[in-house]
Amino acid sequence: MKETIIKVEGMVCNGCENRVQNALKNIEGVENVIADHVTGTVTVTSKEKVAESVMKERIEDIGFEVKR
């Protein structure tokens, strides 16, 4: 299992967390996603190597900003 932590700006509520989680859960190989608007982090657990760039692109596609 691989764990990736991504810093995200713009999540302000549980609804935002759900949008991010749903967007990332649809990526093949992703096992679990935990988004936290308080800390501004998204923790992704995958059993396969999932490209971080793909995850970041999905987050940005739904309107949030990934901190570089």
PDB file of N, CA and C in Angstrom:
ATOM      1  N   MET A   1       0.835  -1.187   0.000  1.00  0.00           N
ATOM      2  CA  MET A   1       0.000   0.000   0.000  1.00  0.00           C
ATOM      3  C   MET A   1       0.875   1.244   0.000  1.00  0.00           C
ATOM      4  N   LYS A   2       0.455   2.222  -0.752  1.00  0.00           N
ATOM      5  CA  LYS A   2       1.177   3.478  -0.829  1.00  0.00           C
ATOM      6  C   LYS A   2       0.257   4.585  -0.327  1.00  0.00           C
ATOM      7  N   GLU A   3       0.805   5.503   0.473  1.00  0.00           N
ATOM      8  CA  GLU A   3       0.027   6.629   0.972  1.00  0.00           C
ATOM      9  C   GLU A   3       0.601   7.927   0.412  1.00  0.00           C
ATOM     10  N   THR A   4      -0.272   8.752  -0.146  1.00  0.00           N
ATOM     11  CA  THR A   4       0.119  10.030  -0.718  1.00  0.00           C
ATOM     12  C   THR A   4      -0.677  11.123  -0.017  1.00  0.00           C
ATOM     13  N   ILE A   5       0.013  12.169   0.429  1.00  0.00           N
ATOM     14  CA  ILE A   5      -0.659  13.301   1.068  1.00  0.00           C
ATOM     15  C   ILE A   5      -0.522  14.508   0.151  1.00  0.00           C
ATOM     16  N   ILE A   6      -1.666  15.109  -0.158  1.00  0.00           N
ATOM     17  CA  ILE A   6      -1.711  16.260  -1.060  1.00  0.00           C
ATOM     18  C   ILE A   6      -2.311  17.441  -0.304  1.00  0.00           C
ATOM     19  N   LYS A   7      -1.651  18.592  -0.371  1.00  0.00           N
ATOM     20  CA  LYS A   7      -2.158  19.828   0.231  1.00  0.00           C
ATOM     21  C   LYS A   7      -3.105  20.494  -0.763  1.00  0.00           C
ATOM     22  N   VAL A   8      -4.302  20.841  -0.275  1.00  0.00           N
ATOM     23  CA  VAL A   8      -5.324  21.402  -1.143  1.00  0.00           C
ATOM     24  C   VAL A   8      -5.892  22.684  -0.527  1.00  0.00           C
ATOM     25  N   GLU A   9      -6.027  23.720  -1.351  1.00  0.00           N
ATOM     26  CA  GLU A   9      -6.661  24.964  -0.919  1.00  0.00           C
ATOM     27  C   GLU A   9      -8.077  25.030  -1.468  1.00  0.00           C
ATOM     28  N   GLY A  10      -8.972  25.619  -0.694  1.00  0.00           N
ATOM     29  CA  GLY A  10     -10.328  25.845  -1.172  1.00  0.00           C
ATOM     30  C   GLY A  10     -11.383  24.947  -0.559  1.00  0.00           C
ATOM     31  N   MET A  11     -10.978  23.906   0.158  1.00  0.00           N
ATOM     32  CA  MET A  11     -11.971  23.065   0.827  1.00  0.00           C
ATOM     33  C   MET A  11     -12.412  23.795   2.098  1.00  0.00           C
ATOM     34  N   VAL A  12     -13.719  24.062   2.216  1.00  0.00           N
ATOM     35  CA  VAL A  12     -14.206  24.830   3.369  1.00  0.00           C
ATOM     36  C   VAL A  12     -15.287  24.105   4.177  1.00  0.00           C
ATOM     37  N   CYS A  13     -15.706  22.926   3.710  1.00  0.00           N
ATOM     38  CA  CYS A  13     -16.794  22.231   4.404  1.00  0.00           C
ATOM     39  C   CYS A  13     -16.756  20.733   4.092  1.00  0.00           C
ATOM     40  N   ASN A  14     -17.671  20.009   4.724  1.00  0.00           N
ATOM     41  CA  ASN A  14     -17.766  18.565   4.483  1.00  0.00           C
ATOM     42  C   ASN A  14     -18.160  18.254   3.042  1.00  0.00           C
ATOM     43  N   GLY A  15     -18.953  19.130   2.444  1.00  0.00           N
ATOM     44  CA  GLY A  15     -19.337  18.941   1.043  1.00  0.00           C
ATOM     45  C   GLY A  15     -18.130  18.984   0.120  1.00  0.00           C
ATOM     46  N   CYS A  16     -17.209  19.898   0.416  1.00  0.00           N
ATOM     47  CA  CYS A  16     -15.970  19.984  -0.365  1.00  0.00           C
ATOM     48  C   CYS A  16     -15.165  18.695  -0.211  1.00  0.00           C
ATOM     49  N   GLU A  17     -15.076  18.213   1.018  1.00  0.00           N
ATOM     50  CA  GLU A  17     -14.351  16.965   1.275  1.00  0.00           C
ATOM     51  C   GLU A  17     -14.950  15.834   0.446  1.00  0.00           C
ATOM     52  N   ASN A  18     -16.272  15.747   0.435  1.00  0.00           N
ATOM     53  CA  ASN A  18     -16.953  14.684  -0.316  1.00  0.00           C
ATOM     54  C   ASN A  18     -16.689  14.779  -1.809  1.00  0.00           C
ATOM     55  N   ARG A  19     -16.681  15.993  -2.353  1.00  0.00           N
ATOM     56  CA  ARG A  19     -16.409  16.174  -3.782  1.00  0.00           C
ATOM     57  C   ARG A  19     -15.016  15.663  -4.136  1.00  0.00           C
ATOM     58  N   VAL A  20     -14.034  16.020  -3.298  1.00  0.00           N
ATOM     59  CA  VAL A  20     -12.660  15.588  -3.552  1.00  0.00           C
ATOM     60  C   VAL A  20     -12.548  14.068  -3.422  1.00  0.00           C
ATOM     61  N   GLN A  21     -13.129  13.523  -2.362  1.00  0.00           N
ATOM     62  CA  GLN A  21     -13.068  12.076  -2.142  1.00  0.00           C
ATOM     63  C   GLN A  21     -13.700  11.319  -3.306  1.00  0.00           C
ATOM     64  N   ASN A  22     -14.855  11.760  -3.764  1.00  0.00           N
ATOM     65  CA  ASN A  22     -15.535  11.074  -4.871  1.00  0.00           C
ATOM     66  C   ASN A  22     -14.738  11.161  -6.165  1.00  0.00           C
ATOM     67  N   ALA A  23     -14.112  12.304  -6.414  1.00  0.00           N
ATOM     68  CA  ALA A  23     -13.322  12.469  -7.636  1.00  0.00           C
ATOM     69  C   ALA A  23     -12.122  11.527  -7.647  1.00  0.00           C
ATOM     70  N   LEU A  24     -11.494  11.349  -6.493  1.00  0.00           N
ATOM     71  CA  LEU A  24     -10.286  10.526  -6.438  1.00  0.00           C
ATOM     72  C   LEU A  24     -10.587   9.036  -6.328  1.00  0.00           C
ATOM     73  N   LYS A  25     -11.702   8.680  -5.725  1.00  0.00           N
ATOM     74  CA  LYS A  25     -12.048   7.261  -5.591  1.00  0.00           C
ATOM     75  C   LYS A  25     -12.296   6.604  -6.946  1.00  0.00           C
ATOM     76  N   ASN A  26     -12.603   7.415  -7.955  1.00  0.00           N
ATOM     77  CA  ASN A  26     -12.867   6.883  -9.294  1.00  0.00           C
ATOM     78  C   ASN A  26     -11.603   6.550 -10.069  1.00  0.00           C
ATOM     79  N   ILE A  27     -10.438   6.879  -9.520  1.00  0.00           N
ATOM     80  CA  ILE A  27      -9.178   6.582 -10.196  1.00  0.00           C
ATOM     81  C   ILE A  27      -8.814   5.115  -9.943  1.00  0.00           C
ATOM     82  N   GLU A  28      -8.502   4.405 -10.997  1.00  0.00           N
ATOM     83  CA  GLU A  28      -8.149   2.992 -10.863  1.00  0.00           C
ATOM     84  C   GLU A  28      -6.925   2.827  -9.964  1.00  0.00           C
ATOM     85  N   GLY A  29      -7.025   1.925  -8.989  1.00  0.00           N
ATOM     86  CA  GLY A  29      -5.926   1.655  -8.068  1.00  0.00           C
ATOM     87  C   GLY A  29      -6.055   2.347  -6.726  1.00  0.00           C
ATOM     88  N   VAL A  30      -6.929   3.363  -6.641  1.00  0.00           N
ATOM     89  CA  VAL A  30      -7.121   4.075  -5.374  1.00  0.00           C
ATOM     90  C   VAL A  30      -8.020   3.239  -4.476  1.00  0.00           C
ATOM     91  N   GLU A  31      -7.552   2.996  -3.268  1.00  0.00           N
ATOM     92  CA  GLU A  31      -8.298   2.189  -2.305  1.00  0.00           C
ATOM     93  C   GLU A  31      -9.129   3.037  -1.351  1.00  0.00           C
ATOM     94  N   ASN A  32      -8.542   4.143  -0.853  1.00  0.00           N
ATOM     95  CA  ASN A  32      -9.218   4.967   0.145  1.00  0.00           C
ATOM     96  C   ASN A  32      -8.764   6.414   0.002  1.00  0.00           C
ATOM     97  N   VAL A  33      -9.695   7.336   0.297  1.00  0.00           N
ATOM     98  CA  VAL A  33      -9.387   8.762   0.255  1.00  0.00           C
ATOM     99  C   VAL A  33      -9.976   9.414   1.491  1.00  0.00           C
ATOM    100  N   ILE A  34      -9.151  10.194   2.191  1.00  0.00           N
ATOM    101  CA  ILE A  34      -9.626  10.961   3.335  1.00  0.00           C
ATOM    102  C   ILE A  34      -9.265  12.422   3.090  1.00  0.00           C
ATOM    103  N   ALA A  35     -10.283  13.257   2.921  1.00  0.00           N
ATOM    104  CA  ALA A  35     -10.071  14.697   2.739  1.00  0.00           C
ATOM    105  C   ALA A  35     -10.432  15.393   4.048  1.00  0.00           C
ATOM    106  N   ASP A  36      -9.638  16.380   4.428  1.00  0.00           N
ATOM    107  CA  ASP A  36      -9.865  17.122   5.673  1.00  0.00           C
ATOM    108  C   ASP A  36      -9.774  18.617   5.382  1.00  0.00           C
ATOM    109  N   HIS A  37     -10.932  19.292   5.413  1.00  0.00           N
ATOM    110  CA  HIS A  37     -10.932  20.720   5.088  1.00  0.00           C
ATOM    111  C   HIS A  37     -10.281  21.566   6.178  1.00  0.00           C
ATOM    112  N   VAL A  38     -10.222  21.077   7.403  1.00  0.00           N
ATOM    113  CA  VAL A  38      -9.610  21.828   8.499  1.00  0.00           C
ATOM    114  C   VAL A  38      -8.093  21.928   8.298  1.00  0.00           C
ATOM    115  N   THR A  39      -7.468  20.819   7.935  1.00  0.00           N
ATOM    116  CA  THR A  39      -6.009  20.814   7.736  1.00  0.00           C
ATOM    117  C   THR A  39      -5.621  21.100   6.285  1.00  0.00           C
ATOM    118  N   GLY A  40      -6.603  21.038   5.382  1.00  0.00           N
ATOM    119  CA  GLY A  40      -6.315  21.271   3.966  1.00  0.00           C
ATOM    120  C   GLY A  40      -5.513  20.156   3.340  1.00  0.00           C
ATOM    121  N   THR A  41      -5.739  18.924   3.801  1.00  0.00           N
ATOM    122  CA  THR A  41      -5.003  17.800   3.250  1.00  0.00           C
ATOM    123  C   THR A  41      -5.941  16.721   2.721  1.00  0.00           C
ATOM    124  N   VAL A  42      -5.417  15.993   1.755  1.00  0.00           N
ATOM    125  CA  VAL A  42      -6.096  14.818   1.219  1.00  0.00           C
ATOM    126  C   VAL A  42      -5.101  13.672   1.301  1.00  0.00           C
ATOM    127  N   THR A  43      -5.502  12.596   1.960  1.00  0.00           N
ATOM    128  CA  THR A  43      -4.652  11.423   2.091  1.00  0.00           C
ATOM    129  C   THR A  43      -5.233  10.316   1.218  1.00  0.00           C
ATOM    130  N   VAL A  44      -4.414   9.848   0.284  1.00  0.00           N
ATOM    131  CA  VAL A  44      -4.858   8.826  -0.664  1.00  0.00           C
ATOM    132  C   VAL A  44      -4.062   7.551  -0.416  1.00  0.00           C
ATOM    133  N   THR A  45      -4.772   6.456  -0.237  1.00  0.00           N
ATOM    134  CA  THR A  45      -4.143   5.153  -0.086  1.00  0.00           C
ATOM    135  C   THR A  45      -4.433   4.342  -1.345  1.00  0.00           C
ATOM    136  N   SER A  46      -3.386   3.802  -1.931  1.00  0.00           N
ATOM    137  CA  SER A  46      -3.558   3.006  -3.151  1.00  0.00           C
ATOM    138  C   SER A  46      -2.725   1.742  -3.052  1.00  0.00           C
ATOM    139  N   LYS A  47      -3.220   0.684  -3.691  1.00  0.00           N
ATOM    140  CA  LYS A  47      -2.451  -0.558  -3.665  1.00  0.00           C
ATOM    141  C   LYS A  47      -1.501  -0.634  -4.839  1.00  0.00           C
ATOM    142  N   GLU A  48      -1.791   0.123  -5.864  1.00  0.00           N
ATOM    143  CA  GLU A  48      -0.905   0.208  -7.016  1.00  0.00           C
ATOM    144  C   GLU A  48      -0.267   1.589  -7.022  1.00  0.00           C
ATOM    145  N   LYS A  49       0.752   1.722  -7.823  1.00  0.00           N
ATOM    146  CA  LYS A  49       1.355   3.042  -7.958  1.00  0.00           C
ATOM    147  C   LYS A  49       0.441   3.888  -8.846  1.00  0.00           C
ATOM    148  N   VAL A  50      -0.174   4.890  -8.234  1.00  0.00           N
ATOM    149  CA  VAL A  50      -1.034   5.814  -8.962  1.00  0.00           C
ATOM    150  C   VAL A  50      -0.258   7.122  -9.089  1.00  0.00           C
ATOM    151  N   ALA A  51      -0.170   7.664 -10.280  1.00  0.00           N
ATOM    152  CA  ALA A  51       0.594   8.889 -10.513  1.00  0.00           C
ATOM    153  C   ALA A  51      -0.011  10.043  -9.721  1.00  0.00           C
ATOM    154  N   GLU A  52       0.841  10.710  -8.950  1.00  0.00           N
ATOM    155  CA  GLU A  52       0.391  11.847  -8.156  1.00  0.00           C
ATOM    156  C   GLU A  52      -0.144  12.951  -9.060  1.00  0.00           C
ATOM    157  N   SER A  53       0.422  13.087 -10.232  1.00  0.00           N
ATOM    158  CA  SER A  53      -0.038  14.121 -11.170  1.00  0.00           C
ATOM    159  C   SER A  53      -1.487  13.889 -11.589  1.00  0.00           C
ATOM    160  N   VAL A  54      -1.890  12.628 -11.706  1.00  0.00           N
ATOM    161  CA  VAL A  54      -3.271  12.302 -12.072  1.00  0.00           C
ATOM    162  C   VAL A  54      -4.214  12.721 -10.952  1.00  0.00           C
ATOM    163  N   MET A  55      -3.820  12.446  -9.708  1.00  0.00           N
ATOM    164  CA  MET A  55      -4.655  12.822  -8.565  1.00  0.00           C
ATOM    165  C   MET A  55      -4.784  14.336  -8.464  1.00  0.00           C
ATOM    166  N   LYS A  56      -3.670  15.036  -8.628  1.00  0.00           N
ATOM    167  CA  LYS A  56      -3.684  16.502  -8.539  1.00  0.00           C
ATOM    168  C   LYS A  56      -4.547  17.105  -9.647  1.00  0.00           C
ATOM    169  N   GLU A  57      -4.458  16.541 -10.836  1.00  0.00           N
ATOM    170  CA  GLU A  57      -5.257  17.038 -11.958  1.00  0.00           C
ATOM    171  C   GLU A  57      -6.746  16.881 -11.680  1.00  0.00           C
ATOM    172  N   ARG A  58      -7.143  15.739 -11.119  1.00  0.00           N
ATOM    173  CA  ARG A  58      -8.555  15.512 -10.782  1.00  0.00           C
ATOM    174  C   ARG A  58      -9.043  16.547  -9.776  1.00  0.00           C
ATOM    175  N   ILE A  59      -8.215  16.844  -8.767  1.00  0.00           N
ATOM    176  CA  ILE A  59      -8.587  17.823  -7.745  1.00  0.00           C
ATOM    177  C   ILE A  59      -8.775  19.204  -8.375  1.00  0.00           C
ATOM    178  N   GLU A  60      -7.861  19.567  -9.243  1.00  0.00           N
ATOM    179  CA  GLU A  60      -7.956  20.874  -9.905  1.00  0.00           C
ATOM    180  C   GLU A  60      -9.129  20.920 -10.887  1.00  0.00           C
ATOM    181  N   ASP A  61      -9.454  19.808 -11.516  1.00  0.00           N
ATOM    182  CA  ASP A  61     -10.557  19.749 -12.457  1.00  0.00           C
ATOM    183  C   ASP A  61     -11.904  20.046 -11.792  1.00  0.00           C
ATOM    184  N   ILE A  62     -12.026  19.763 -10.486  1.00  0.00           N
ATOM    185  CA  ILE A  62     -13.288  20.032  -9.801  1.00  0.00           C
ATOM    186  C   ILE A  62     -13.264  21.359  -9.045  1.00  0.00           C
ATOM    187  N   GLY A  63     -12.218  22.169  -9.291  1.00  0.00           N
ATOM    188  CA  GLY A  63     -12.246  23.536  -8.804  1.00  0.00           C
ATOM    189  C   GLY A  63     -11.424  23.869  -7.577  1.00  0.00           C
ATOM    190  N   PHE A  64     -10.569  22.951  -7.126  1.00  0.00           N
ATOM    191  CA  PHE A  64      -9.727  23.226  -5.962  1.00  0.00           C
ATOM    192  C   PHE A  64      -8.289  23.425  -6.414  1.00  0.00           C
ATOM    193  N   GLU A  65      -7.509  24.094  -5.580  1.00  0.00           N
ATOM    194  CA  GLU A  65      -6.116  24.371  -5.930  1.00  0.00           C
ATOM    195  C   GLU A  65      -5.182  23.471  -5.128  1.00  0.00           C
ATOM    196  N   VAL A  66      -4.294  22.811  -5.839  1.00  0.00           N
ATOM    197  CA  VAL A  66      -3.295  21.965  -5.190  1.00  0.00           C
ATOM    198  C   VAL A  66      -2.083  22.820  -4.892  1.00  0.00           C
ATOM    199  N   LYS A  67      -1.632  22.789  -3.644  1.00  0.00           N
ATOM    200  CA  LYS A  67      -0.423  23.531  -3.278  1.00  0.00           C
ATOM    201  C   LYS A  67       0.790  22.787  -3.814  1.00  0.00           C
ATOM    202  N   ARG A  68       1.650  23.487  -4.452  1.00  0.00           N
ATOM    203  CA  ARG A  68       2.847  22.878  -5.042  1.00  0.00           C
ATOM    204  C   ARG A  68       3.982  22.843  -4.048  1.00  0.00           C
TER     205      ARG A  68
END
